[in-house]
Amino acid sequence: MTGRDIKSTEEQERDGRGFVESRGGRYVYTYMEPDTSAWQRRRVRLPDGSVG
């Protein structure tokens, strides 16, 4: 995935609004969460006991 694959905030909002309205819902508000990411790097314990 590159930077070109990531949608802008405006595109994400437009897609969300379209999704809600296409199902008969009413779009009310977009909550902005600065410095928040859905992706986090986590340390994982591997079967051999090491951490990766």
C-alpha atoms as a PDB file:
ATOM      1  CA  MET A   1       0.000   0.000   0.000  1.00  0.00           C
ATOM      2  CA  THR A   2       1.328   3.415  -0.902  1.00  0.00           C
ATOM      3  CA  GLY A   3       0.313   6.947  -0.042  1.00  0.00           C
ATOM      4  CA  ARG A   4      -1.719   7.010  -3.259  1.00  0.00           C
ATOM      5  CA  ASP A   5      -3.896   4.158  -1.956  1.00  0.00           C
ATOM      6  CA  ILE A   6      -4.906   6.052   1.178  1.00  0.00           C
ATOM      7  CA  LYS A   7      -8.030   8.164   0.801  1.00  0.00           C
ATOM      8  CA  SER A   8      -8.196  11.751   1.996  1.00  0.00           C
ATOM      9  CA  THR A   9     -10.464  12.752   4.844  1.00  0.00           C
ATOM     10  CA  GLU A  10     -12.906  14.288   2.365  1.00  0.00           C
ATOM     11  CA  GLU A  11     -13.095  11.076   0.319  1.00  0.00           C
ATOM     12  CA  GLN A  12     -13.628   8.977   3.452  1.00  0.00           C
ATOM     13  CA  GLU A  13     -16.404  11.291   4.623  1.00  0.00           C
ATOM     14  CA  ARG A  14     -18.099  11.241   1.201  1.00  0.00           C
ATOM     15  CA  ASP A  15     -17.931   7.419   1.110  1.00  0.00           C
ATOM     16  CA  GLY A  16     -19.352   7.165   4.632  1.00  0.00           C
ATOM     17  CA  ARG A  17     -22.149   9.601   3.892  1.00  0.00           C
ATOM     18  CA  GLY A  18     -23.045   7.670   0.730  1.00  0.00           C
ATOM     19  CA  PHE A  19     -23.036   4.364   2.616  1.00  0.00           C
ATOM     20  CA  VAL A  20     -25.370   5.661   5.339  1.00  0.00           C
ATOM     21  CA  GLU A  21     -27.772   7.414   2.965  1.00  0.00           C
ATOM     22  CA  SER A  22     -27.936   4.459   0.549  1.00  0.00           C
ATOM     23  CA  ARG A  23     -29.372   2.414   3.406  1.00  0.00           C
ATOM     24  CA  GLY A  24     -31.996   4.964   4.372  1.00  0.00           C
ATOM     25  CA  GLY A  25     -30.029   6.499   7.226  1.00  0.00           C
ATOM     26  CA  ARG A  26     -29.439  10.162   7.953  1.00  0.00           C
ATOM     27  CA  TYR A  27     -25.866  11.425   8.056  1.00  0.00           C
ATOM     28  CA  VAL A  28     -25.508  13.762  11.018  1.00  0.00           C
ATOM     29  CA  TYR A  29     -21.912  14.677  11.807  1.00  0.00           C
ATOM     30  CA  THR A  30     -18.281  13.750  11.234  1.00  0.00           C
ATOM     31  CA  TYR A  31     -16.219  13.451  14.398  1.00  0.00           C
ATOM     32  CA  MET A  32     -12.591  14.436  13.819  1.00  0.00           C
ATOM     33  CA  GLU A  33      -9.972  12.646  15.906  1.00  0.00           C
ATOM     34  CA  PRO A  34      -6.595  14.281  15.311  1.00  0.00           C
ATOM     35  CA  ASP A  35      -3.513  12.162  15.963  1.00  0.00           C
ATOM     36  CA  THR A  36      -5.605   8.968  16.028  1.00  0.00           C
ATOM     37  CA  SER A  37      -4.814   5.965  13.900  1.00  0.00           C
ATOM     38  CA  ALA A  38      -6.611   2.666  13.410  1.00  0.00           C
ATOM     39  CA  TRP A  39      -3.250   0.977  12.922  1.00  0.00           C
ATOM     40  CA  GLN A  40      -0.924   0.190  15.800  1.00  0.00           C
ATOM     41  CA  ARG A  41       2.301  -1.745  15.898  1.00  0.00           C
ATOM     42  CA  ARG A  42       2.124  -4.463  18.563  1.00  0.00           C
ATOM     43  CA  ARG A  43       4.811  -6.694  19.952  1.00  0.00           C
ATOM     44  CA  VAL A  44       3.926 -10.345  19.524  1.00  0.00           C
ATOM     45  CA  ARG A  45       5.365 -13.298  21.422  1.00  0.00           C
ATOM     46  CA  LEU A  46       6.371 -16.002  18.948  1.00  0.00           C
ATOM     47  CA  PRO A  47       6.142 -19.760  19.600  1.00  0.00           C
ATOM     48  CA  ASP A  48       9.883 -19.970  20.276  1.00  0.00           C
ATOM     49  CA  GLY A  49       9.517 -17.404  23.097  1.00  0.00           C
ATOM     50  CA  SER A  50      11.070 -14.495  21.211  1.00  0.00           C
ATOM     51  CA  VAL A  51       9.256 -11.221  20.670  1.00  0.00           C
ATOM     52  CA  GLY A  52       8.754  -9.773  17.194  1.00  0.00           C
END
